[in-house]
Amino acid sequence: MSFIKSIFRPRSIPAKGFILALLFGLVAASYLGYLHPVEDLLDNEKLTFRFLEFAISPYKLLKALVVIVVFMWLASFVSDQLEKRVSKLRHVRSSNRELLSKAGTLLVYFMATVIALDIMGIDLTALTVIGGAVGIGIGFGLQKITSNFISGIILLAEKSVEMDDLVELSDGTQGFVRHAGARYTLIETFDGKEVMVPNEDFITNRVINWTLTNTKGRVEVLVGVSYGSDLDLVKNILLEAALEHPRCAEEPKPQCFLDAFGDSSINFSLYFWVDDVTEGRREPKSDVQFAIWRKFQDAGVEIPFPQRDLHIKSGLLPEGAGSTGGQA
C-alpha cells in the first residue's frame, strides 16, 4: 500500500525526478512514433475484451494507468504547493487556512479526475447514472458522514468554535478545542480525556462557548447564616472576601444578595467575576469560601445546620391488651 501511495504521491526529490523523467520519456517516445509497435501489439482485436459498447484492450488499460499516475502526481504536486502557500498567510486565521487548503485540494483532484477521464476517451455524460447512484448512497448510507463534513465547513466559516476555545456541550462535556477536522472536533477535557465530538452536534445541539467574545466568567458562592446574625456585617464580609482575591475582576464588581429566609438559615448569594475563565473557576471559588469561613469565625457569625428534636414517649399497655384468651 505504501509503495502504491509513493507512486501516486512521491515525497522525496529523487522519486519526483524519476517520475518526471519517465513521463517525459513516454511523451517523447509517443510523439516520435516509437510506441506504435507497442500499440499495434497490444491493441489488436484478439486481445480486446468487449462488454456492451465498451472495448477494453491491454493498450487502453496501460494508457489509462499512465494517465491516472500522471494526473494524480500532478494533482498531488499542485496540492502540496497550494498548502505551502496557504500556510504562509499569517494574516488569515488557522481555521480559515485549513478551510482554504481543504477546498483547494478537493478542487485540484476533481479537475485532475475530469481531465484524465476525458483524455482516456470516457464519455462523462455516461457517468450521470453512476452519479445518481452515488447521490442515493450519500443520501442513505453516508448521510451522517456528509452531515458532519458540511457541519465542519460551516463551523470553519462561522468561526463560532475555534482552536483553544473553552466549550461546554449539552451532555455536560467540558473542555478545550484542540483539533477541528472534517468529520469531528477534538475536545480535551479537564481530566485529560480526548473526546471526539461529531461536527453535527455543534450545529444541531446547544453549545456553550465560554470564550467566544471574551474570557470573563462569573463565580457563584451560596452561604447561609443563623437568624441572630448581623445581616449588614455578613454582606460586607462576603464582598470583602471576594475583593481580596487576586483573580477577582474589577469590572463587573462583586455583588451580594439576600436570597431567602430559609427554615434554619438566612441565605445569601455572592457573585464575582474572573478575567480569564480558561484558568479555572473552582480554585478562586474555593479560596473565597475559605476566606469567608475564617472571617465568619473571627466575627462570631454562625453558619447553622439543620437540627431535629426526637421525643420518645413511654407508658404501660392497657389492662388486658396483651391477653390472647377467649373462645372461638
C-alpha atoms as a PDB file:
ATOM      1  CA  MET A   1       0.000   0.000   0.000  1.00  0.00           C
ATOM      2  CA  SER A   2       2.807   2.414   0.872  1.00  0.00           C
ATOM      3  CA  PHE A   3       4.536   1.600  -2.461  1.00  0.00           C
ATOM      4  CA  ILE A   4       1.377   2.458  -4.426  1.00  0.00           C
ATOM      5  CA  LYS A   5       0.951   5.640  -2.429  1.00  0.00           C
ATOM      6  CA  SER A   6       4.547   6.627  -3.144  1.00  0.00           C
ATOM      7  CA  ILE A   7       3.872   6.258  -6.875  1.00  0.00           C
ATOM      8  CA  PHE A   8       0.815   8.496  -6.840  1.00  0.00           C
ATOM      9  CA  ARG A   9       2.253  10.975  -4.340  1.00  0.00           C
ATOM     10  CA  PRO A  10       6.052  10.866  -4.190  1.00  0.00           C
ATOM     11  CA  ARG A  11       7.676  12.856  -1.396  1.00  0.00           C
ATOM     12  CA  SER A  12      11.436  12.655  -1.975  1.00  0.00           C
ATOM     13  CA  ILE A  13      13.178  14.698  -4.655  1.00  0.00           C
ATOM     14  CA  PRO A  14      14.783  11.632  -6.389  1.00  0.00           C
ATOM     15  CA  ALA A  15      11.370   9.947  -6.668  1.00  0.00           C
ATOM     16  CA  LYS A  16       9.847  13.074  -8.176  1.00  0.00           C
ATOM     17  CA  GLY A  17      12.754  13.392 -10.597  1.00  0.00           C
ATOM     18  CA  PHE A  18      12.487   9.755 -11.670  1.00  0.00           C
ATOM     19  CA  ILE A  19       8.732  10.002 -12.335  1.00  0.00           C
ATOM     20  CA  LEU A  20       9.189  13.280 -14.176  1.00  0.00           C
ATOM     21  CA  ALA A  21      11.933  11.793 -16.393  1.00  0.00           C
ATOM     22  CA  LEU A  22       9.837   8.690 -17.058  1.00  0.00           C
ATOM     23  CA  LEU A  23       6.817  10.745 -18.050  1.00  0.00           C
ATOM     24  CA  PHE A  24       8.918  12.986 -20.292  1.00  0.00           C
ATOM     25  CA  GLY A  25      10.416   9.904 -21.973  1.00  0.00           C
ATOM     26  CA  LEU A  26       6.981   8.364 -22.617  1.00  0.00           C
ATOM     27  CA  VAL A  27       5.648  11.597 -24.125  1.00  0.00           C
ATOM     28  CA  ALA A  28       8.722  11.972 -26.346  1.00  0.00           C
ATOM     29  CA  ALA A  29       8.567   8.332 -27.477  1.00  0.00           C
ATOM     30  CA  SER A  30       4.877   8.647 -28.321  1.00  0.00           C
ATOM     31  CA  TYR A  31       5.449  11.891 -30.247  1.00  0.00           C
ATOM     32  CA  LEU A  32       8.337  10.403 -32.273  1.00  0.00           C
ATOM     33  CA  GLY A  33       6.359   7.249 -33.108  1.00  0.00           C
ATOM     34  CA  TYR A  34       8.434   4.728 -31.142  1.00  0.00           C
ATOM     35  CA  LEU A  35       5.343   3.442 -29.340  1.00  0.00           C
ATOM     36  CA  HIS A  36       3.441   2.492 -32.498  1.00  0.00           C
ATOM     37  CA  PRO A  37       4.720  -1.113 -32.496  1.00  0.00           C
ATOM     38  CA  VAL A  38       3.658  -1.459 -28.862  1.00  0.00           C
ATOM     39  CA  GLU A  39       0.238  -0.052 -29.731  1.00  0.00           C
ATOM     40  CA  ASP A  40      -0.165  -2.449 -32.673  1.00  0.00           C
ATOM     41  CA  LEU A  41       0.830  -5.389 -30.489  1.00  0.00           C
ATOM     42  CA  LEU A  42      -1.411  -4.658 -27.511  1.00  0.00           C
ATOM     43  CA  ASP A  43      -4.363  -3.034 -29.260  1.00  0.00           C
ATOM     44  CA  ASN A  44      -5.363  -5.817 -31.629  1.00  0.00           C
ATOM     45  CA  GLU A  45      -8.738  -7.475 -31.876  1.00  0.00           C
ATOM     46  CA  LYS A  46      -7.645 -10.791 -30.365  1.00  0.00           C
ATOM     47  CA  LEU A  47      -6.661  -9.188 -27.063  1.00  0.00           C
ATOM     48  CA  THR A  48      -9.659  -6.877 -26.903  1.00  0.00           C
ATOM     49  CA  PHE A  49     -12.432  -7.576 -24.439  1.00  0.00           C
ATOM     50  CA  ARG A  50     -15.858  -6.206 -25.342  1.00  0.00           C
ATOM     51  CA  PHE A  51     -18.724  -5.509 -22.997  1.00  0.00           C
ATOM     52  CA  LEU A  52     -21.824  -3.845 -24.482  1.00  0.00           C
ATOM     53  CA  GLU A  53     -20.440  -0.730 -26.184  1.00  0.00           C
ATOM     54  CA  PHE A  54     -17.105  -0.759 -24.351  1.00  0.00           C
ATOM     55  CA  ALA A  55     -13.909  -2.244 -25.821  1.00  0.00           C
ATOM     56  CA  ILE A  56     -11.040  -2.850 -23.410  1.00  0.00           C
ATOM     57  CA  SER A  57      -7.569  -3.819 -24.621  1.00  0.00           C
ATOM     58  CA  PRO A  58      -4.222  -4.133 -22.799  1.00  0.00           C
ATOM     59  CA  TYR A  59      -3.042  -0.977 -24.547  1.00  0.00           C
ATOM     60  CA  LYS A  60      -6.009   1.017 -23.282  1.00  0.00           C
ATOM     61  CA  LEU A  61      -5.507  -0.330 -19.758  1.00  0.00           C
ATOM     62  CA  LEU A  62      -1.840   0.626 -19.870  1.00  0.00           C
ATOM     63  CA  LYS A  63      -2.706   4.050 -21.249  1.00  0.00           C
ATOM     64  CA  ALA A  64      -5.320   4.564 -18.548  1.00  0.00           C
ATOM     65  CA  LEU A  65      -2.830   3.593 -15.823  1.00  0.00           C
ATOM     66  CA  VAL A  66      -0.209   6.006 -17.163  1.00  0.00           C
ATOM     67  CA  VAL A  67      -2.746   8.841 -17.425  1.00  0.00           C
ATOM     68  CA  ILE A  68      -4.020   8.219 -13.877  1.00  0.00           C
ATOM     69  CA  VAL A  69      -0.493   8.191 -12.450  1.00  0.00           C
ATOM     70  CA  VAL A  70       0.438  11.360 -14.358  1.00  0.00           C
ATOM     71  CA  PHE A  71      -2.557  13.397 -13.294  1.00  0.00           C
ATOM     72  CA  MET A  72      -2.601  12.117  -9.701  1.00  0.00           C
ATOM     73  CA  TRP A  73       1.079  13.052  -9.422  1.00  0.00           C
ATOM     74  CA  LEU A  74       0.427  16.477 -10.909  1.00  0.00           C
ATOM     75  CA  ALA A  75      -2.562  16.949  -8.598  1.00  0.00           C
ATOM     76  CA  SER A  76      -0.517  15.996  -5.523  1.00  0.00           C
ATOM     77  CA  PHE A  77       2.275  18.368  -6.569  1.00  0.00           C
ATOM     78  CA  VAL A  78      -0.141  21.266  -7.092  1.00  0.00           C
ATOM     79  CA  SER A  79      -1.915  20.411  -3.818  1.00  0.00           C
ATOM     80  CA  ASP A  80       1.356  20.432  -1.851  1.00  0.00           C
ATOM     81  CA  GLN A  81       2.354  23.774  -3.322  1.00  0.00           C
ATOM     82  CA  LEU A  82      -1.084  25.189  -2.547  1.00  0.00           C
ATOM     83  CA  GLU A  83      -0.899  24.013   1.085  1.00  0.00           C
ATOM     84  CA  LYS A  84       2.523  25.625   1.474  1.00  0.00           C
ATOM     85  CA  ARG A  85       1.289  28.927   0.058  1.00  0.00           C
ATOM     86  CA  VAL A  86      -1.832  28.922   2.227  1.00  0.00           C
ATOM     87  CA  SER A  87       0.167  28.106   5.387  1.00  0.00           C
ATOM     88  CA  LYS A  88       2.216  31.279   4.831  1.00  0.00           C
ATOM     89  CA  LEU A  89      -0.879  33.510   5.010  1.00  0.00           C
ATOM     90  CA  ARG A  90      -0.302  34.661   8.590  1.00  0.00           C
ATOM     91  CA  HIS A  91      -2.977  37.351   8.414  1.00  0.00           C
ATOM     92  CA  VAL A  92      -5.582  34.594   7.944  1.00  0.00           C
ATOM     93  CA  ARG A  93      -6.789  32.591  10.934  1.00  0.00           C
ATOM     94  CA  SER A  94      -5.680  28.979  11.264  1.00  0.00           C
ATOM     95  CA  SER A  95      -9.243  27.709  10.797  1.00  0.00           C
ATOM     96  CA  ASN A  96      -9.606  29.707   7.576  1.00  0.00           C
ATOM     97  CA  ARG A  97      -6.233  28.464   6.313  1.00  0.00           C
ATOM     98  CA  GLU A  98      -7.331  24.890   6.885  1.00  0.00           C
ATOM     99  CA  LEU A  99     -10.624  25.556   5.112  1.00  0.00           C
ATOM    100  CA  LEU A 100      -8.858  27.080   2.092  1.00  0.00           C
ATOM    101  CA  SER A 101      -6.369  24.208   1.981  1.00  0.00           C
ATOM    102  CA  LYS A 102      -9.092  21.531   2.057  1.00  0.00           C
ATOM    103  CA  ALA A 103     -11.202  23.311  -0.550  1.00  0.00           C
ATOM    104  CA  GLY A 104      -8.194  23.823  -2.840  1.00  0.00           C
ATOM    105  CA  THR A 105      -7.146  20.171  -2.554  1.00  0.00           C
ATOM    106  CA  LEU A 106     -10.639  18.929  -3.424  1.00  0.00           C
ATOM    107  CA  LEU A 107     -10.839  21.284  -6.397  1.00  0.00           C
ATOM    108  CA  VAL A 108      -7.427  20.207  -7.751  1.00  0.00           C
ATOM    109  CA  TYR A 109      -8.191  16.483  -7.533  1.00  0.00           C
ATOM    110  CA  PHE A 110     -11.648  16.980  -9.042  1.00  0.00           C
ATOM    111  CA  MET A 111     -10.226  18.833 -12.052  1.00  0.00           C
ATOM    112  CA  ALA A 112      -7.465  16.228 -12.478  1.00  0.00           C
ATOM    113  CA  THR A 113     -10.002  13.406 -12.436  1.00  0.00           C
ATOM    114  CA  VAL A 114     -12.240  15.094 -15.026  1.00  0.00           C
ATOM    115  CA  ILE A 115      -9.326  15.828 -17.377  1.00  0.00           C
ATOM    116  CA  ALA A 116      -7.922  12.303 -17.014  1.00  0.00           C
ATOM    117  CA  LEU A 117     -11.276  10.720 -17.849  1.00  0.00           C
ATOM    118  CA  ASP A 118     -11.619  12.955 -20.890  1.00  0.00           C
ATOM    119  CA  ILE A 119      -8.135  12.029 -22.171  1.00  0.00           C
ATOM    120  CA  MET A 120      -8.881   8.322 -21.744  1.00  0.00           C
ATOM    121  CA  GLY A 121     -11.920   8.795 -24.008  1.00  0.00           C
ATOM    122  CA  ILE A 122     -14.560   8.092 -21.385  1.00  0.00           C
ATOM    123  CA  ASP A 123     -17.819   9.901 -22.091  1.00  0.00           C
ATOM    124  CA  LEU A 124     -18.560  11.953 -18.985  1.00  0.00           C
ATOM    125  CA  THR A 125     -22.270  12.034 -19.796  1.00  0.00           C
ATOM    126  CA  ALA A 126     -22.336   8.278 -19.271  1.00  0.00           C
ATOM    127  CA  LEU A 127     -21.393   8.849 -15.654  1.00  0.00           C
ATOM    128  CA  THR A 128     -24.703  10.526 -14.853  1.00  0.00           C
ATOM    129  CA  VAL A 129     -26.233   7.194 -13.881  1.00  0.00           C
ATOM    130  CA  ILE A 130     -23.266   6.424 -11.630  1.00  0.00           C
ATOM    131  CA  GLY A 131     -23.506   9.927 -10.177  1.00  0.00           C
ATOM    132  CA  GLY A 132     -27.165   9.364  -9.402  1.00  0.00           C
ATOM    133  CA  ALA A 133     -26.363   6.081  -7.670  1.00  0.00           C
ATOM    134  CA  VAL A 134     -23.616   7.772  -5.659  1.00  0.00           C
ATOM    135  CA  GLY A 135     -26.072  10.504  -4.700  1.00  0.00           C
ATOM    136  CA  ILE A 136     -28.548   7.918  -3.431  1.00  0.00           C
ATOM    137  CA  GLY A 137     -25.770   6.224  -1.474  1.00  0.00           C
ATOM    138  CA  ILE A 138     -24.788   9.521   0.103  1.00  0.00           C
ATOM    139  CA  GLY A 139     -28.417  10.242   0.918  1.00  0.00           C
ATOM    140  CA  PHE A 140     -28.830   6.967   2.826  1.00  0.00           C
ATOM    141  CA  GLY A 141     -25.631   5.197   3.779  1.00  0.00           C
ATOM    142  CA  LEU A 142     -23.321   8.227   4.024  1.00  0.00           C
ATOM    143  CA  GLN A 143     -25.823  10.684   5.455  1.00  0.00           C
ATOM    144  CA  LYS A 144     -24.050  11.135   8.789  1.00  0.00           C
ATOM    145  CA  ILE A 145     -20.608  11.432   7.215  1.00  0.00           C
ATOM    146  CA  THR A 146     -21.831  14.035   4.756  1.00  0.00           C
ATOM    147  CA  SER A 147     -23.644  15.933   7.505  1.00  0.00           C
ATOM    148  CA  ASN A 148     -20.514  16.014   9.679  1.00  0.00           C
ATOM    149  CA  PHE A 149     -18.384  17.173   6.747  1.00  0.00           C
ATOM    150  CA  ILE A 150     -20.757  20.015   5.862  1.00  0.00           C
ATOM    151  CA  SER A 151     -21.116  20.943   9.551  1.00  0.00           C
ATOM    152  CA  GLY A 152     -17.323  21.167   9.815  1.00  0.00           C
ATOM    153  CA  ILE A 153     -17.224  23.582   6.877  1.00  0.00           C
ATOM    154  CA  ILE A 154     -19.973  25.684   8.495  1.00  0.00           C
ATOM    155  CA  LEU A 155     -18.046  25.820  11.781  1.00  0.00           C
ATOM    156  CA  LEU A 156     -14.888  26.934   9.994  1.00  0.00           C
ATOM    157  CA  ALA A 157     -16.782  29.581   8.042  1.00  0.00           C
ATOM    158  CA  GLU A 158     -18.761  30.950  11.001  1.00  0.00           C
ATOM    159  CA  LYS A 159     -15.797  30.904  13.445  1.00  0.00           C
ATOM    160  CA  SER A 160     -18.229  30.001  16.244  1.00  0.00           C
ATOM    161  CA  VAL A 161     -15.868  27.312  17.568  1.00  0.00           C
ATOM    162  CA  GLU A 162     -12.117  27.766  17.090  1.00  0.00           C
ATOM    163  CA  MET A 163      -8.893  26.288  18.403  1.00  0.00           C
ATOM    164  CA  ASP A 164      -8.304  26.553  22.189  1.00  0.00           C
ATOM    165  CA  ASP A 165     -11.878  27.701  22.857  1.00  0.00           C
ATOM    166  CA  LEU A 166     -13.431  26.561  26.135  1.00  0.00           C
ATOM    167  CA  VAL A 167     -16.757  24.888  25.287  1.00  0.00           C
ATOM    168  CA  GLU A 168     -19.477  23.008  27.134  1.00  0.00           C
ATOM    169  CA  LEU A 169     -21.842  20.623  25.339  1.00  0.00           C
ATOM    170  CA  SER A 170     -25.452  19.839  26.171  1.00  0.00           C
ATOM    171  CA  ASP A 171     -24.456  16.444  27.644  1.00  0.00           C
ATOM    172  CA  GLY A 172     -22.135  18.115  30.164  1.00  0.00           C
ATOM    173  CA  THR A 173     -18.834  17.591  28.322  1.00  0.00           C
ATOM    174  CA  GLN A 174     -16.474  20.499  29.036  1.00  0.00           C
ATOM    175  CA  GLY A 175     -13.006  21.195  27.717  1.00  0.00           C
ATOM    176  CA  PHE A 176     -10.772  22.951  25.225  1.00  0.00           C
ATOM    177  CA  VAL A 177     -10.977  22.567  21.440  1.00  0.00           C
ATOM    178  CA  ARG A 178      -7.690  21.044  20.279  1.00  0.00           C
ATOM    179  CA  HIS A 179      -8.449  19.985  16.693  1.00  0.00           C
ATOM    180  CA  ALA A 180     -11.105  20.762  14.090  1.00  0.00           C
ATOM    181  CA  GLY A 181     -11.313  18.066  11.423  1.00  0.00           C
ATOM    182  CA  ALA A 182     -13.575  17.292   8.507  1.00  0.00           C
ATOM    183  CA  ARG A 183     -15.581  14.710  10.485  1.00  0.00           C
ATOM    184  CA  TYR A 184     -15.132  15.529  14.176  1.00  0.00           C
ATOM    185  CA  THR A 185     -13.881  18.149  16.624  1.00  0.00           C
ATOM    186  CA  LEU A 186     -11.428  17.032  19.315  1.00  0.00           C
ATOM    187  CA  ILE A 187     -12.113  18.314  22.851  1.00  0.00           C
ATOM    188  CA  GLU A 188      -9.600  17.891  25.662  1.00  0.00           C
ATOM    189  CA  THR A 189     -11.443  17.706  28.989  1.00  0.00           C
ATOM    190  CA  PHE A 190     -10.110  18.933  32.331  1.00  0.00           C
ATOM    191  CA  ASP A 191      -9.144  15.401  33.392  1.00  0.00           C
ATOM    192  CA  GLY A 192      -7.057  14.820  30.244  1.00  0.00           C
ATOM    193  CA  LYS A 193      -9.599  12.885  28.176  1.00  0.00           C
ATOM    194  CA  GLU A 194      -9.733  13.489  24.443  1.00  0.00           C
ATOM    195  CA  VAL A 195     -13.329  13.385  23.251  1.00  0.00           C
ATOM    196  CA  MET A 196     -14.048  13.235  19.515  1.00  0.00           C
ATOM    197  CA  VAL A 197     -17.374  15.017  19.026  1.00  0.00           C
ATOM    198  CA  PRO A 198     -19.139  14.805  15.617  1.00  0.00           C
ATOM    199  CA  ASN A 199     -19.321  18.211  13.959  1.00  0.00           C
ATOM    200  CA  GLU A 200     -23.079  17.802  13.567  1.00  0.00           C
ATOM    201  CA  ASP A 201     -23.508  18.075  17.359  1.00  0.00           C
ATOM    202  CA  PHE A 202     -22.116  21.617  17.304  1.00  0.00           C
ATOM    203  CA  ILE A 203     -24.734  22.635  14.731  1.00  0.00           C
ATOM    204  CA  THR A 204     -27.874  20.832  15.907  1.00  0.00           C
ATOM    205  CA  ASN A 205     -27.381  20.980  19.706  1.00  0.00           C
ATOM    206  CA  ARG A 206     -26.930  23.799  22.193  1.00  0.00           C
ATOM    207  CA  VAL A 207     -23.237  24.584  22.804  1.00  0.00           C
ATOM    208  CA  ILE A 208     -21.785  26.979  25.393  1.00  0.00           C
ATOM    209  CA  ASN A 209     -18.619  28.737  24.241  1.00  0.00           C
ATOM    210  CA  TRP A 210     -17.074  30.410  27.284  1.00  0.00           C
ATOM    211  CA  THR A 211     -14.509  32.295  25.184  1.00  0.00           C
ATOM    212  CA  LEU A 212     -16.415  33.252  22.033  1.00  0.00           C
ATOM    213  CA  THR A 213     -16.290  37.050  22.522  1.00  0.00           C
ATOM    214  CA  ASN A 214     -14.451  37.400  25.871  1.00  0.00           C
ATOM    215  CA  THR A 215     -12.748  35.293  28.546  1.00  0.00           C
ATOM    216  CA  LYS A 216     -14.610  36.604  31.600  1.00  0.00           C
ATOM    217  CA  GLY A 217     -16.533  34.143  33.771  1.00  0.00           C
ATOM    218  CA  ARG A 218     -18.804  34.503  36.818  1.00  0.00           C
ATOM    219  CA  VAL A 219     -18.366  32.563  40.068  1.00  0.00           C
ATOM    220  CA  GLU A 220     -21.280  31.942  42.456  1.00  0.00           C
ATOM    221  CA  VAL A 221     -20.961  31.268  46.204  1.00  0.00           C
ATOM    222  CA  LEU A 222     -24.032  30.339  48.323  1.00  0.00           C
ATOM    223  CA  VAL A 223     -23.891  30.963  52.072  1.00  0.00           C
ATOM    224  CA  GLY A 224     -26.443  30.551  54.885  1.00  0.00           C
ATOM    225  CA  VAL A 225     -26.173  32.281  58.293  1.00  0.00           C
ATOM    226  CA  SER A 226     -28.177  31.992  61.501  1.00  0.00           C
ATOM    227  CA  TYR A 227     -31.150  34.253  62.242  1.00  0.00           C
ATOM    228  CA  GLY A 228     -29.277  36.012  65.043  1.00  0.00           C
ATOM    229  CA  SER A 229     -26.531  37.308  62.709  1.00  0.00           C
ATOM    230  CA  ASP A 230     -25.907  40.939  61.738  1.00  0.00           C
ATOM    231  CA  LEU A 231     -27.023  40.853  58.102  1.00  0.00           C
ATOM    232  CA  ASP A 232     -25.189  44.034  57.096  1.00  0.00           C
ATOM    233  CA  LEU A 233     -21.985  42.628  58.591  1.00  0.00           C
ATOM    234  CA  VAL A 234     -22.479  39.363  56.712  1.00  0.00           C
ATOM    235  CA  LYS A 235     -22.884  41.205  53.409  1.00  0.00           C
ATOM    236  CA  ASN A 236     -19.730  43.252  53.994  1.00  0.00           C
ATOM    237  CA  ILE A 237     -17.734  40.129  54.880  1.00  0.00           C
ATOM    238  CA  LEU A 238     -18.834  38.351  51.695  1.00  0.00           C
ATOM    239  CA  LEU A 239     -17.921  41.280  49.455  1.00  0.00           C
ATOM    240  CA  GLU A 240     -14.611  41.771  51.242  1.00  0.00           C
ATOM    241  CA  ALA A 241     -13.654  38.104  50.816  1.00  0.00           C
ATOM    242  CA  ALA A 242     -14.280  38.348  47.066  1.00  0.00           C
ATOM    243  CA  LEU A 243     -12.437  41.657  46.577  1.00  0.00           C
ATOM    244  CA  GLU A 244      -9.353  40.381  48.404  1.00  0.00           C
ATOM    245  CA  HIS A 245      -8.849  37.518  45.940  1.00  0.00           C
ATOM    246  CA  PRO A 246      -6.197  38.357  43.291  1.00  0.00           C
ATOM    247  CA  ARG A 247      -8.212  36.882  40.420  1.00  0.00           C
ATOM    248  CA  CYS A 248     -11.388  38.849  41.199  1.00  0.00           C
ATOM    249  CA  ALA A 249     -12.128  41.220  38.317  1.00  0.00           C
ATOM    250  CA  GLU A 250     -12.574  44.909  38.980  1.00  0.00           C
ATOM    251  CA  GLU A 251     -15.388  45.122  36.445  1.00  0.00           C
ATOM    252  CA  PRO A 252     -18.068  43.941  36.902  1.00  0.00           C
ATOM    253  CA  LYS A 253     -17.791  44.439  40.647  1.00  0.00           C
ATOM    254  CA  PRO A 254     -18.779  41.658  43.093  1.00  0.00           C
ATOM    255  CA  GLN A 255     -22.412  41.601  44.153  1.00  0.00           C
ATOM    256  CA  CYS A 256     -24.137  40.104  47.199  1.00  0.00           C
ATOM    257  CA  PHE A 257     -27.848  39.393  47.521  1.00  0.00           C
ATOM    258  CA  LEU A 258     -30.107  38.122  50.280  1.00  0.00           C
ATOM    259  CA  ASP A 259     -31.955  35.286  48.597  1.00  0.00           C
ATOM    260  CA  ALA A 260     -34.413  33.851  51.071  1.00  0.00           C
ATOM    261  CA  PHE A 261     -35.393  33.259  54.698  1.00  0.00           C
ATOM    262  CA  GLY A 262     -34.969  29.508  54.963  1.00  0.00           C
ATOM    263  CA  ASP A 263     -36.172  27.049  57.571  1.00  0.00           C
ATOM    264  CA  SER A 264     -32.980  27.283  59.624  1.00  0.00           C
ATOM    265  CA  SER A 265     -30.866  29.962  57.918  1.00  0.00           C
ATOM    266  CA  ILE A 266     -30.867  33.251  56.047  1.00  0.00           C
ATOM    267  CA  ASN A 267     -29.447  32.525  52.590  1.00  0.00           C
ATOM    268  CA  PHE A 268     -27.068  34.859  50.710  1.00  0.00           C
ATOM    269  CA  SER A 269     -25.672  34.674  47.150  1.00  0.00           C
ATOM    270  CA  LEU A 270     -22.246  36.112  46.330  1.00  0.00           C
ATOM    271  CA  TYR A 271     -21.274  36.728  42.682  1.00  0.00           C
ATOM    272  CA  PHE A 272     -17.836  37.787  41.446  1.00  0.00           C
ATOM    273  CA  TRP A 273     -16.066  37.624  38.082  1.00  0.00           C
ATOM    274  CA  VAL A 274     -12.685  36.329  36.947  1.00  0.00           C
ATOM    275  CA  ASP A 275     -10.856  37.847  33.975  1.00  0.00           C
ATOM    276  CA  ASP A 276      -9.748  34.577  32.349  1.00  0.00           C
ATOM    277  CA  VAL A 277     -12.167  31.674  32.677  1.00  0.00           C
ATOM    278  CA  THR A 278      -9.710  29.329  30.930  1.00  0.00           C
ATOM    279  CA  GLU A 279      -7.580  29.375  34.107  1.00  0.00           C
ATOM    280  CA  GLY A 280     -10.460  27.790  36.000  1.00  0.00           C
ATOM    281  CA  ARG A 281     -13.230  28.914  38.351  1.00  0.00           C
ATOM    282  CA  ARG A 282     -13.089  26.257  41.061  1.00  0.00           C
ATOM    283  CA  GLU A 283      -9.838  27.473  42.612  1.00  0.00           C
ATOM    284  CA  PRO A 284     -10.978  31.092  43.191  1.00  0.00           C
ATOM    285  CA  LYS A 285     -14.337  29.822  44.443  1.00  0.00           C
ATOM    286  CA  SER A 286     -12.604  27.542  46.942  1.00  0.00           C
ATOM    287  CA  ASP A 287     -10.238  30.324  48.077  1.00  0.00           C
ATOM    288  CA  VAL A 288     -13.097  32.762  48.655  1.00  0.00           C
ATOM    289  CA  GLN A 289     -15.069  30.180  50.629  1.00  0.00           C
ATOM    290  CA  PHE A 290     -12.023  29.536  52.857  1.00  0.00           C
ATOM    291  CA  ALA A 291     -11.725  33.296  53.412  1.00  0.00           C
ATOM    292  CA  ILE A 292     -15.440  33.570  54.280  1.00  0.00           C
ATOM    293  CA  TRP A 293     -15.124  30.738  56.820  1.00  0.00           C
ATOM    294  CA  ARG A 294     -12.195  32.416  58.557  1.00  0.00           C
ATOM    295  CA  LYS A 295     -13.862  35.822  58.591  1.00  0.00           C
ATOM    296  CA  PHE A 296     -17.086  34.353  59.985  1.00  0.00           C
ATOM    297  CA  GLN A 297     -15.140  32.717  62.828  1.00  0.00           C
ATOM    298  CA  ASP A 298     -13.375  35.997  63.656  1.00  0.00           C
ATOM    299  CA  ALA A 299     -16.670  37.958  63.595  1.00  0.00           C
ATOM    300  CA  GLY A 300     -18.645  35.309  65.501  1.00  0.00           C
ATOM    301  CA  VAL A 301     -21.068  34.664  62.626  1.00  0.00           C
ATOM    302  CA  GLU A 302     -22.638  31.238  62.823  1.00  0.00           C
ATOM    303  CA  ILE A 303     -23.380  29.001  59.847  1.00  0.00           C
ATOM    304  CA  PRO A 304     -26.335  26.887  61.008  1.00  0.00           C
ATOM    305  CA  PHE A 305     -27.124  23.313  60.115  1.00  0.00           C
ATOM    306  CA  PRO A 306     -30.481  21.501  60.295  1.00  0.00           C
ATOM    307  CA  GLN A 307     -31.376  20.063  63.703  1.00  0.00           C
ATOM    308  CA  ARG A 308     -34.194  17.716  64.666  1.00  0.00           C
ATOM    309  CA  ASP A 309     -35.648  17.006  68.128  1.00  0.00           C
ATOM    310  CA  LEU A 310     -36.810  13.445  68.792  1.00  0.00           C
ATOM    311  CA  HIS A 311     -39.378  12.913  71.575  1.00  0.00           C
ATOM    312  CA  ILE A 312     -39.876   9.341  72.854  1.00  0.00           C
ATOM    313  CA  LYS A 313     -42.995   8.669  74.925  1.00  0.00           C
ATOM    314  CA  SER A 314     -43.135   5.532  77.126  1.00  0.00           C
ATOM    315  CA  GLY A 315     -46.144   4.032  79.027  1.00  0.00           C
ATOM    316  CA  LEU A 316     -47.910   0.864  80.217  1.00  0.00           C
ATOM    317  CA  LEU A 317     -50.131  -1.133  77.952  1.00  0.00           C
ATOM    318  CA  PRO A 318     -53.878  -1.073  78.840  1.00  0.00           C
ATOM    319  CA  GLU A 319     -55.076  -3.893  81.100  1.00  0.00           C
ATOM    320  CA  GLY A 320     -55.941  -6.998  79.122  1.00  0.00           C
ATOM    321  CA  ALA A 321     -54.341  -5.692  75.894  1.00  0.00           C
ATOM    322  CA  GLY A 322     -51.782  -8.461  75.873  1.00  0.00           C
ATOM    323  CA  SER A 323     -54.138 -11.379  76.643  1.00  0.00           C
ATOM    324  CA  THR A 324     -54.826 -13.922  73.998  1.00  0.00           C
ATOM    325  CA  GLY A 325     -57.631 -15.714  75.796  1.00  0.00           C
ATOM    326  CA  GLY A 326     -61.189 -16.090  74.568  1.00  0.00           C
ATOM    327  CA  GLN A 327     -63.336 -18.601  72.872  1.00  0.00           C
ATOM    328  CA  ALA A 328     -63.674 -19.005  69.199  1.00  0.00           C
END
